[in-house]
């Protein structure tokens, strides 16, 4: 089972890499907002989501992504924690 800390680290490292953020992943606190604290454009965000799906070996539906609200880094982490838990439960 993959724990939240492991997934959080992966999400943050992937965001920094794919969205080309000018900060280390260790500075991305869960409470940082995508609406002011962290500037991620839509292309960088989608690239990060696709990379995370590949890395975590999951598929998220377009519908699930459209319904989710990603106001903070922590909400994105929680989304992928839930997706991994769903995959593991199905195995």
PDB file of N, CA and C in Angstrom:
ATOM      1  N   UNK A   1       0.850  -1.186   0.000  1.00  0.00           N
ATOM      2  CA  UNK A   1       0.000   0.000   0.000  1.00  0.00           C
ATOM      3  C   UNK A   1       0.890   1.241   0.000  1.00  0.00           C
ATOM      4  N   UNK A   2       0.515   2.214  -0.753  1.00  0.00           N
ATOM      5  CA  UNK A   2       1.260   3.469  -0.836  1.00  0.00           C
ATOM      6  C   UNK A   2       0.653   4.458   0.151  1.00  0.00           C
ATOM      7  N   UNK A   3       1.485   5.038   1.010  1.00  0.00           N
ATOM      8  CA  UNK A   3       0.958   5.952   2.023  1.00  0.00           C
ATOM      9  C   UNK A   3       0.872   7.382   1.496  1.00  0.00           C
ATOM     10  N   UNK A   4       0.174   8.220   2.259  1.00  0.00           N
ATOM     11  CA  UNK A   4      -0.070   9.596   1.833  1.00  0.00           C
ATOM     12  C   UNK A   4       1.234  10.371   1.667  1.00  0.00           C
ATOM     13  N   UNK A   5       2.179  10.172   2.576  1.00  0.00           N
ATOM     14  CA  UNK A   5       3.449  10.911   2.483  1.00  0.00           C
ATOM     15  C   UNK A   5       4.196  10.596   1.187  1.00  0.00           C
ATOM     16  N   UNK A   6       4.194   9.329   0.796  1.00  0.00           N
ATOM     17  CA  UNK A   6       4.867   8.926  -0.438  1.00  0.00           C
ATOM     18  C   UNK A   6       4.188   9.548  -1.647  1.00  0.00           C
ATOM     19  N   UNK A   7       2.862   9.505  -1.662  1.00  0.00           N
ATOM     20  CA  UNK A   7       2.110  10.096  -2.778  1.00  0.00           C
ATOM     21  C   UNK A   7       2.278  11.610  -2.782  1.00  0.00           C
ATOM     22  N   UNK A   8       2.268  12.243  -1.611  1.00  0.00           N
ATOM     23  CA  UNK A   8       2.444  13.697  -1.537  1.00  0.00           C
ATOM     24  C   UNK A   8       3.787  14.115  -2.117  1.00  0.00           C
ATOM     25  N   UNK A   9       4.829  13.390  -1.772  1.00  0.00           N
ATOM     26  CA  UNK A   9       6.161  13.691  -2.308  1.00  0.00           C
ATOM     27  C   UNK A   9       6.164  13.560  -3.829  1.00  0.00           C
ATOM     28  N   UNK A  10       5.566  12.487  -4.333  1.00  0.00           N
ATOM     29  CA  UNK A  10       5.509  12.276  -5.777  1.00  0.00           C
ATOM     30  C   UNK A  10       4.718  13.384  -6.473  1.00  0.00           C
ATOM     31  N   UNK A  11       3.567  13.749  -5.919  1.00  0.00           N
ATOM     32  CA  UNK A  11       2.740  14.812  -6.510  1.00  0.00           C
ATOM     33  C   UNK A  11       3.527  16.118  -6.556  1.00  0.00           C
ATOM     34  N   UNK A  12       4.175  16.465  -5.476  1.00  0.00           N
ATOM     35  CA  UNK A  12       4.905  17.734  -5.412  1.00  0.00           C
ATOM     36  C   UNK A  12       6.100  17.751  -6.364  1.00  0.00           C
ATOM     37  N   UNK A  13       6.847  16.648  -6.405  1.00  0.00           N
ATOM     38  CA  UNK A  13       7.980  16.568  -7.333  1.00  0.00           C
ATOM     39  C   UNK A  13       7.507  16.650  -8.780  1.00  0.00           C
ATOM     40  N   UNK A  14       6.390  15.999  -9.069  1.00  0.00           N
ATOM     41  CA  UNK A  14       5.851  16.011 -10.431  1.00  0.00           C
ATOM     42  C   UNK A  14       5.343  17.398 -10.796  1.00  0.00           C
ATOM     43  N   UNK A  15       4.672  18.080  -9.887  1.00  0.00           N
ATOM     44  CA  UNK A  15       4.217  19.449 -10.157  1.00  0.00           C
ATOM     45  C   UNK A  15       5.389  20.370 -10.473  1.00  0.00           C
ATOM     46  N   UNK A  16       6.439  20.287  -9.679  1.00  0.00           N
ATOM     47  CA  UNK A  16       7.611  21.136  -9.899  1.00  0.00           C
ATOM     48  C   UNK A  16       8.206  20.852 -11.276  1.00  0.00           C
ATOM     49  N   UNK A  17       8.341  19.572 -11.610  1.00  0.00           N
ATOM     50  CA  UNK A  17       8.963  19.182 -12.886  1.00  0.00           C
ATOM     51  C   UNK A  17       8.078  19.540 -14.085  1.00  0.00           C
ATOM     52  N   UNK A  18       6.825  19.118 -14.056  1.00  0.00           N
ATOM     53  CA  UNK A  18       5.954  19.266 -15.232  1.00  0.00           C
ATOM     54  C   UNK A  18       5.428  20.685 -15.414  1.00  0.00           C
ATOM     55  N   UNK A  19       5.202  21.386 -14.313  1.00  0.00           N
ATOM     56  CA  UNK A  19       4.703  22.762 -14.407  1.00  0.00           C
ATOM     57  C   UNK A  19       5.851  23.773 -14.390  1.00  0.00           C
ATOM     58  N   UNK A  20       7.077  23.243 -14.307  1.00  0.00           N
ATOM     59  CA  UNK A  20       8.276  24.084 -14.336  1.00  0.00           C
ATOM     60  C   UNK A  20       8.226  25.180 -13.258  1.00  0.00           C
ATOM     61  N   UNK A  21       7.890  24.755 -12.042  1.00  0.00           N
ATOM     62  CA  UNK A  21       7.816  25.703 -10.929  1.00  0.00           C
ATOM     63  C   UNK A  21       9.217  26.099 -10.487  1.00  0.00           C
ATOM     64  N   UNK A  22       9.406  27.362 -10.118  1.00  0.00           N
ATOM     65  CA  UNK A  22      10.730  27.855  -9.741  1.00  0.00           C
ATOM     66  C   UNK A  22      11.049  27.648  -8.257  1.00  0.00           C
ATOM     67  N   UNK A  23      10.664  26.497  -7.717  1.00  0.00           N
ATOM     68  CA  UNK A  23      10.908  26.200  -6.302  1.00  0.00           C
ATOM     69  C   UNK A  23      11.094  24.711  -6.139  1.00  0.00           C
ATOM     70  N   UNK A  24      11.769  24.299  -5.084  1.00  0.00           N
ATOM     71  CA  UNK A  24      11.905  22.864  -4.840  1.00  0.00           C
ATOM     72  C   UNK A  24      10.588  22.286  -4.325  1.00  0.00           C
ATOM     73  N   UNK A  25      10.396  21.013  -4.567  1.00  0.00           N
ATOM     74  CA  UNK A  25       9.169  20.329  -4.132  1.00  0.00           C
ATOM     75  C   UNK A  25       8.991  20.414  -2.623  1.00  0.00           C
ATOM     76  N   UNK A  26      10.065  20.485  -1.888  1.00  0.00           N
ATOM     77  CA  UNK A  26       9.981  20.544  -0.427  1.00  0.00           C
ATOM     78  C   UNK A  26       9.317  21.827   0.073  1.00  0.00           C
ATOM     79  N   UNK A  27       9.236  22.837  -0.776  1.00  0.00           N
ATOM     80  CA  UNK A  27       8.584  24.095  -0.397  1.00  0.00           C
ATOM     81  C   UNK A  27       7.097  24.113  -0.718  1.00  0.00           C
ATOM     82  N   UNK A  28       6.589  23.075  -1.353  1.00  0.00           N
ATOM     83  CA  UNK A  28       5.166  23.020  -1.697  1.00  0.00           C
ATOM     84  C   UNK A  28       4.371  22.424  -0.528  1.00  0.00           C
ATOM     85  N   UNK A  29       3.923  23.279   0.354  1.00  0.00           N
ATOM     86  CA  UNK A  29       3.101  22.831   1.479  1.00  0.00           C
ATOM     87  C   UNK A  29       1.703  22.484   0.975  1.00  0.00           C
ATOM     88  N   UNK A  30       1.053  21.564   1.661  1.00  0.00           N
ATOM     89  CA  UNK A  30      -0.304  21.173   1.280  1.00  0.00           C
ATOM     90  C   UNK A  30      -1.277  22.348   1.281  1.00  0.00           C
ATOM     91  N   UNK A  31      -0.998  23.343   2.089  1.00  0.00           N
ATOM     92  CA  UNK A  31      -1.916  24.477   2.225  1.00  0.00           C
ATOM     93  C   UNK A  31      -1.739  25.546   1.148  1.00  0.00           C
ATOM     94  N   UNK A  32      -0.711  25.425   0.326  1.00  0.00           N
ATOM     95  CA  UNK A  32      -0.497  26.426  -0.730  1.00  0.00           C
ATOM     96  C   UNK A  32      -1.627  26.370  -1.756  1.00  0.00           C
ATOM     97  N   UNK A  33      -2.095  27.527  -2.130  1.00  0.00           N
ATOM     98  CA  UNK A  33      -3.221  27.657  -3.043  1.00  0.00           C
ATOM     99  C   UNK A  33      -2.761  27.764  -4.494  1.00  0.00           C
ATOM    100  N   UNK A  34      -3.513  27.100  -5.375  1.00  0.00           N
ATOM    101  CA  UNK A  34      -3.261  27.237  -6.811  1.00  0.00           C
ATOM    102  C   UNK A  34      -3.794  28.579  -7.309  1.00  0.00           C
ATOM    103  N   UNK A  35      -4.567  29.250  -6.491  1.00  0.00           N
ATOM    104  CA  UNK A  35      -5.178  30.528  -6.864  1.00  0.00           C
ATOM    105  C   UNK A  35      -4.422  31.709  -6.282  1.00  0.00           C
ATOM    106  N   UNK A  36      -3.105  31.593  -6.159  1.00  0.00           N
ATOM    107  CA  UNK A  36      -2.343  32.720  -5.662  1.00  0.00           C
ATOM    108  C   UNK A  36      -0.953  32.371  -5.178  1.00  0.00           C
ATOM    109  N   UNK A  37      -0.834  31.303  -4.397  1.00  0.00           N
ATOM    110  CA  UNK A  37       0.471  30.941  -3.845  1.00  0.00           C
ATOM    111  C   UNK A  37       1.373  30.257  -4.863  1.00  0.00           C
ATOM    112  N   UNK A  38       0.784  29.398  -5.685  1.00  0.00           N
ATOM    113  CA  UNK A  38       1.534  28.603  -6.662  1.00  0.00           C
ATOM    114  C   UNK A  38       0.934  28.879  -8.038  1.00  0.00           C
ATOM    115  N   UNK A  39       1.756  29.328  -8.947  1.00  0.00           N
ATOM    116  CA  UNK A  39       1.277  29.649 -10.289  1.00  0.00           C
ATOM    117  C   UNK A  39       1.527  28.462 -11.228  1.00  0.00           C
ATOM    118  N   UNK A  40       0.442  27.746 -11.534  1.00  0.00           N
ATOM    119  CA  UNK A  40       0.521  26.599 -12.436  1.00  0.00           C
ATOM    120  C   UNK A  40      -0.464  26.850 -13.567  1.00  0.00           C
ATOM    121  N   UNK A  41       0.036  26.901 -14.803  1.00  0.00           N
ATOM    122  CA  UNK A  41      -0.887  27.093 -15.920  1.00  0.00           C
ATOM    123  C   UNK A  41      -1.592  25.774 -16.244  1.00  0.00           C
ATOM    124  N   UNK A  42      -2.632  25.843 -17.046  1.00  0.00           N
ATOM    125  CA  UNK A  42      -3.448  24.656 -17.313  1.00  0.00           C
ATOM    126  C   UNK A  42      -2.655  23.551 -18.012  1.00  0.00           C
ATOM    127  N   UNK A  43      -1.759  23.903 -18.912  1.00  0.00           N
ATOM    128  CA  UNK A  43      -0.958  22.888 -19.596  1.00  0.00           C
ATOM    129  C   UNK A  43      -0.025  22.178 -18.612  1.00  0.00           C
ATOM    130  N   UNK A  44       0.631  22.933 -17.752  1.00  0.00           N
ATOM    131  CA  UNK A  44       1.498  22.341 -16.746  1.00  0.00           C
ATOM    132  C   UNK A  44       0.726  21.439 -15.800  1.00  0.00           C
ATOM    133  N   UNK A  45      -0.473  21.852 -15.437  1.00  0.00           N
ATOM    134  CA  UNK A  45      -1.304  21.053 -14.538  1.00  0.00           C
ATOM    135  C   UNK A  45      -1.701  19.736 -15.198  1.00  0.00           C
ATOM    136  N   UNK A  46      -2.145  19.789 -16.443  1.00  0.00           N
ATOM    137  CA  UNK A  46      -2.549  18.567 -17.162  1.00  0.00           C
ATOM    138  C   UNK A  46      -1.345  17.653 -17.367  1.00  0.00           C
ATOM    139  N   UNK A  47      -0.202  18.221 -17.697  1.00  0.00           N
ATOM    140  CA  UNK A  47       1.013  17.399 -17.846  1.00  0.00           C
ATOM    141  C   UNK A  47       1.346  16.685 -16.545  1.00  0.00           C
ATOM    142  N   UNK A  48       1.189  17.384 -15.428  1.00  0.00           N
ATOM    143  CA  UNK A  48       1.456  16.775 -14.123  1.00  0.00           C
ATOM    144  C   UNK A  48       0.462  15.654 -13.838  1.00  0.00           C
ATOM    145  N   UNK A  49      -0.810  15.866 -14.132  1.00  0.00           N
ATOM    146  CA  UNK A  49      -1.833  14.835 -13.896  1.00  0.00           C
ATOM    147  C   UNK A  49      -1.537  13.589 -14.728  1.00  0.00           C
ATOM    148  N   UNK A  50      -1.202  13.774 -15.984  1.00  0.00           N
ATOM    149  CA  UNK A  50      -0.896  12.632 -16.856  1.00  0.00           C
ATOM    150  C   UNK A  50       0.339  11.887 -16.347  1.00  0.00           C
ATOM    151  N   UNK A  51       1.360  12.623 -15.960  1.00  0.00           N
ATOM    152  CA  UNK A  51       2.579  11.988 -15.437  1.00  0.00           C
ATOM    153  C   UNK A  51       2.284  11.220 -14.152  1.00  0.00           C
ATOM    154  N   UNK A  52       1.431  11.771 -13.301  1.00  0.00           N
ATOM    155  CA  UNK A  52       1.071  11.093 -12.054  1.00  0.00           C
ATOM    156  C   UNK A  52       0.260   9.826 -12.321  1.00  0.00           C
ATOM    157  N   UNK A  53      -0.640   9.891 -13.282  1.00  0.00           N
ATOM    158  CA  UNK A  53      -1.387   8.684 -13.655  1.00  0.00           C
ATOM    159  C   UNK A  53      -0.426   7.585 -14.100  1.00  0.00           C
ATOM    160  N   UNK A  54       0.539   7.944 -14.908  1.00  0.00           N
ATOM    161  CA  UNK A  54       1.523   6.959 -15.381  1.00  0.00           C
ATOM    162  C   UNK A  54       2.348   6.413 -14.219  1.00  0.00           C
ATOM    163  N   UNK A  55       2.851   7.297 -13.389  1.00  0.00           N
ATOM    164  CA  UNK A  55       3.722   6.898 -12.284  1.00  0.00           C
ATOM    165  C   UNK A  55       2.992   6.019 -11.261  1.00  0.00           C
ATOM    166  N   UNK A  56       1.740   6.360 -10.994  1.00  0.00           N
ATOM    167  CA  UNK A  56       0.957   5.633  -9.991  1.00  0.00           C
ATOM    168  C   UNK A  56       0.176   4.461 -10.583  1.00  0.00           C
ATOM    169  N   UNK A  57       0.279   4.305 -11.909  1.00  0.00           N
ATOM    170  CA  UNK A  57      -0.409   3.227 -12.622  1.00  0.00           C
ATOM    171  C   UNK A  57      -1.914   3.234 -12.367  1.00  0.00           C
ATOM    172  N   UNK A  58      -2.507   4.425 -12.561  1.00  0.00           N
ATOM    173  CA  UNK A  58      -3.944   4.588 -12.416  1.00  0.00           C
ATOM    174  C   UNK A  58      -4.476   5.361 -13.614  1.00  0.00           C
ATOM    175  N   UNK A  59      -5.780   5.294 -13.787  1.00  0.00           N
ATOM    176  CA  UNK A  59      -6.450   6.126 -14.781  1.00  0.00           C
ATOM    177  C   UNK A  59      -7.545   6.884 -14.073  1.00  0.00           C
ATOM    178  N   UNK A  60      -7.588   8.180 -14.278  1.00  0.00           N
ATOM    179  CA  UNK A  60      -8.663   8.984 -13.730  1.00  0.00           C
ATOM    180  C   UNK A  60      -9.536   9.428 -14.891  1.00  0.00           C
ATOM    181  N   UNK A  61     -10.817   9.381 -14.681  1.00  0.00           N
ATOM    182  CA  UNK A  61     -11.729   9.764 -15.750  1.00  0.00           C
ATOM    183  C   UNK A  61     -11.742  11.283 -15.904  1.00  0.00           C
ATOM    184  N   UNK A  62     -12.037  11.716 -17.109  1.00  0.00           N
ATOM    185  CA  UNK A  62     -12.171  13.150 -17.349  1.00  0.00           C
ATOM    186  C   UNK A  62     -13.257  13.724 -16.456  1.00  0.00           C
ATOM    187  N   UNK A  63     -14.318  12.947 -16.256  1.00  0.00           N
ATOM    188  CA  UNK A  63     -15.430  13.397 -15.418  1.00  0.00           C
ATOM    189  C   UNK A  63     -14.975  13.623 -13.973  1.00  0.00           C
ATOM    190  N   UNK A  64     -14.191  12.690 -13.444  1.00  0.00           N
ATOM    191  CA  UNK A  64     -13.701  12.832 -12.069  1.00  0.00           C
ATOM    192  C   UNK A  64     -12.821  14.070 -11.942  1.00  0.00           C
ATOM    193  N   UNK A  65     -11.990  14.309 -12.929  1.00  0.00           N
ATOM    194  CA  UNK A  65     -11.127  15.495 -12.902  1.00  0.00           C
ATOM    195  C   UNK A  65     -11.933  16.780 -13.005  1.00  0.00           C
ATOM    196  N   UNK A  66     -12.977  16.763 -13.820  1.00  0.00           N
ATOM    197  CA  UNK A  66     -13.798  17.961 -13.997  1.00  0.00           C
ATOM    198  C   UNK A  66     -14.603  18.270 -12.732  1.00  0.00           C
ATOM    199  N   UNK A  67     -15.015  17.235 -12.005  1.00  0.00           N
ATOM    200  CA  UNK A  67     -15.809  17.440 -10.797  1.00  0.00           C
ATOM    201  C   UNK A  67     -14.958  17.819  -9.591  1.00  0.00           C
ATOM    202  N   UNK A  68     -13.705  17.457  -9.615  1.00  0.00           N
ATOM    203  CA  UNK A  68     -12.820  17.733  -8.478  1.00  0.00           C
ATOM    204  C   UNK A  68     -12.484  19.219  -8.410  1.00  0.00           C
ATOM    205  N   UNK A  69     -12.281  19.679  -7.204  1.00  0.00           N
ATOM    206  CA  UNK A  69     -11.856  21.058  -6.985  1.00  0.00           C
ATOM    207  C   UNK A  69     -10.441  21.016  -6.422  1.00  0.00           C
ATOM    208  N   UNK A  70      -9.521  21.586  -7.139  1.00  0.00           N
ATOM    209  CA  UNK A  70      -8.129  21.599  -6.719  1.00  0.00           C
ATOM    210  C   UNK A  70      -7.737  23.023  -6.364  1.00  0.00           C
ATOM    211  N   UNK A  71      -8.106  23.445  -5.171  1.00  0.00           N
ATOM    212  CA  UNK A  71      -7.746  24.783  -4.728  1.00  0.00           C
ATOM    213  C   UNK A  71      -6.357  24.823  -4.102  1.00  0.00           C
ATOM    214  N   UNK A  72      -5.957  23.701  -3.514  1.00  0.00           N
ATOM    215  CA  UNK A  72      -4.658  23.650  -2.834  1.00  0.00           C
ATOM    216  C   UNK A  72      -3.863  22.439  -3.300  1.00  0.00           C
ATOM    217  N   UNK A  73      -2.588  22.472  -3.009  1.00  0.00           N
ATOM    218  CA  UNK A  73      -1.719  21.341  -3.313  1.00  0.00           C
ATOM    219  C   UNK A  73      -2.227  20.096  -2.574  1.00  0.00           C
ATOM    220  N   UNK A  74      -2.659  20.274  -1.338  1.00  0.00           N
ATOM    221  CA  UNK A  74      -3.163  19.157  -0.543  1.00  0.00           C
ATOM    222  C   UNK A  74      -4.394  18.502  -1.156  1.00  0.00           C
ATOM    223  N   UNK A  75      -5.252  19.277  -1.786  1.00  0.00           N
ATOM    224  CA  UNK A  75      -6.434  18.697  -2.438  1.00  0.00           C
ATOM    225  C   UNK A  75      -6.033  17.837  -3.630  1.00  0.00           C
ATOM    226  N   UNK A  76      -5.001  18.241  -4.341  1.00  0.00           N
ATOM    227  CA  UNK A  76      -4.502  17.420  -5.440  1.00  0.00           C
ATOM    228  C   UNK A  76      -3.889  16.135  -4.893  1.00  0.00           C
ATOM    229  N   UNK A  77      -3.136  16.244  -3.810  1.00  0.00           N
ATOM    230  CA  UNK A  77      -2.563  15.058  -3.172  1.00  0.00           C
ATOM    231  C   UNK A  77      -3.685  14.114  -2.747  1.00  0.00           C
ATOM    232  N   UNK A  78      -4.703  14.646  -2.077  1.00  0.00           N
ATOM    233  CA  UNK A  78      -5.816  13.812  -1.601  1.00  0.00           C
ATOM    234  C   UNK A  78      -6.535  13.116  -2.750  1.00  0.00           C
ATOM    235  N   UNK A  79      -6.665  13.788  -3.884  1.00  0.00           N
ATOM    236  CA  UNK A  79      -7.296  13.186  -5.059  1.00  0.00           C
ATOM    237  C   UNK A  79      -6.526  11.937  -5.489  1.00  0.00           C
ATOM    238  N   UNK A  80      -5.208  12.048  -5.542  1.00  0.00           N
ATOM    239  CA  UNK A  80      -4.409  10.902  -5.970  1.00  0.00           C
ATOM    240  C   UNK A  80      -4.305   9.832  -4.888  1.00  0.00           C
ATOM    241  N   UNK A  81      -4.343  10.210  -3.632  1.00  0.00           N
ATOM    242  CA  UNK A  81      -4.389   9.215  -2.550  1.00  0.00           C
ATOM    243  C   UNK A  81      -5.662   8.381  -2.696  1.00  0.00           C
ATOM    244  N   UNK A  82      -6.793   9.038  -2.933  1.00  0.00           N
ATOM    245  CA  UNK A  82      -8.065   8.322  -3.098  1.00  0.00           C
ATOM    246  C   UNK A  82      -8.046   7.443  -4.348  1.00  0.00           C
ATOM    247  N   UNK A  83      -7.456   7.930  -5.426  1.00  0.00           N
ATOM    248  CA  UNK A  83      -7.391   7.144  -6.663  1.00  0.00           C
ATOM    249  C   UNK A  83      -6.544   5.891  -6.470  1.00  0.00           C
ATOM    250  N   UNK A  84      -5.433   6.013  -5.769  1.00  0.00           N
ATOM    251  CA  UNK A  84      -4.576   4.853  -5.505  1.00  0.00           C
ATOM    252  C   UNK A  84      -5.297   3.870  -4.586  1.00  0.00           C
ATOM    253  N   UNK A  85      -5.979   4.392  -3.574  1.00  0.00           N
ATOM    254  CA  UNK A  85      -6.729   3.519  -2.660  1.00  0.00           C
ATOM    255  C   UNK A  85      -7.811   2.763  -3.422  1.00  0.00           C
ATOM    256  N   UNK A  86      -8.485   3.425  -4.354  1.00  0.00           N
ATOM    257  CA  UNK A  86      -9.502   2.775  -5.166  1.00  0.00           C
ATOM    258  C   UNK A  86      -8.922   1.673  -6.036  1.00  0.00           C
ATOM    259  N   UNK A  87      -7.753   1.931  -6.610  1.00  0.00           N
ATOM    260  CA  UNK A  87      -7.082   0.912  -7.420  1.00  0.00           C
ATOM    261  C   UNK A  87      -6.685  -0.288  -6.569  1.00  0.00           C
ATOM    262  N   UNK A  88      -6.124  -0.017  -5.389  1.00  0.00           N
ATOM    263  CA  UNK A  88      -5.689  -1.103  -4.509  1.00  0.00           C
ATOM    264  C   UNK A  88      -6.860  -1.925  -4.004  1.00  0.00           C
ATOM    265  N   UNK A  89      -7.999  -1.277  -3.765  1.00  0.00           N
ATOM    266  CA  UNK A  89      -9.186  -1.998  -3.294  1.00  0.00           C
ATOM    267  C   UNK A  89      -9.736  -2.908  -4.375  1.00  0.00           C
ATOM    268  N   UNK A  90      -9.554  -2.505  -5.637  1.00  0.00           N
ATOM    269  CA  UNK A  90     -10.063  -3.287  -6.764  1.00  0.00           C
ATOM    270  C   UNK A  90      -9.166  -4.478  -7.094  1.00  0.00           C
ATOM    271  N   UNK A  91      -7.936  -4.465  -6.604  1.00  0.00           N
ATOM    272  CA  UNK A  91      -6.990  -5.543  -6.936  1.00  0.00           C
ATOM    273  C   UNK A  91      -7.250  -6.793  -6.139  1.00  0.00           C
TER     274      UNK A  91
END
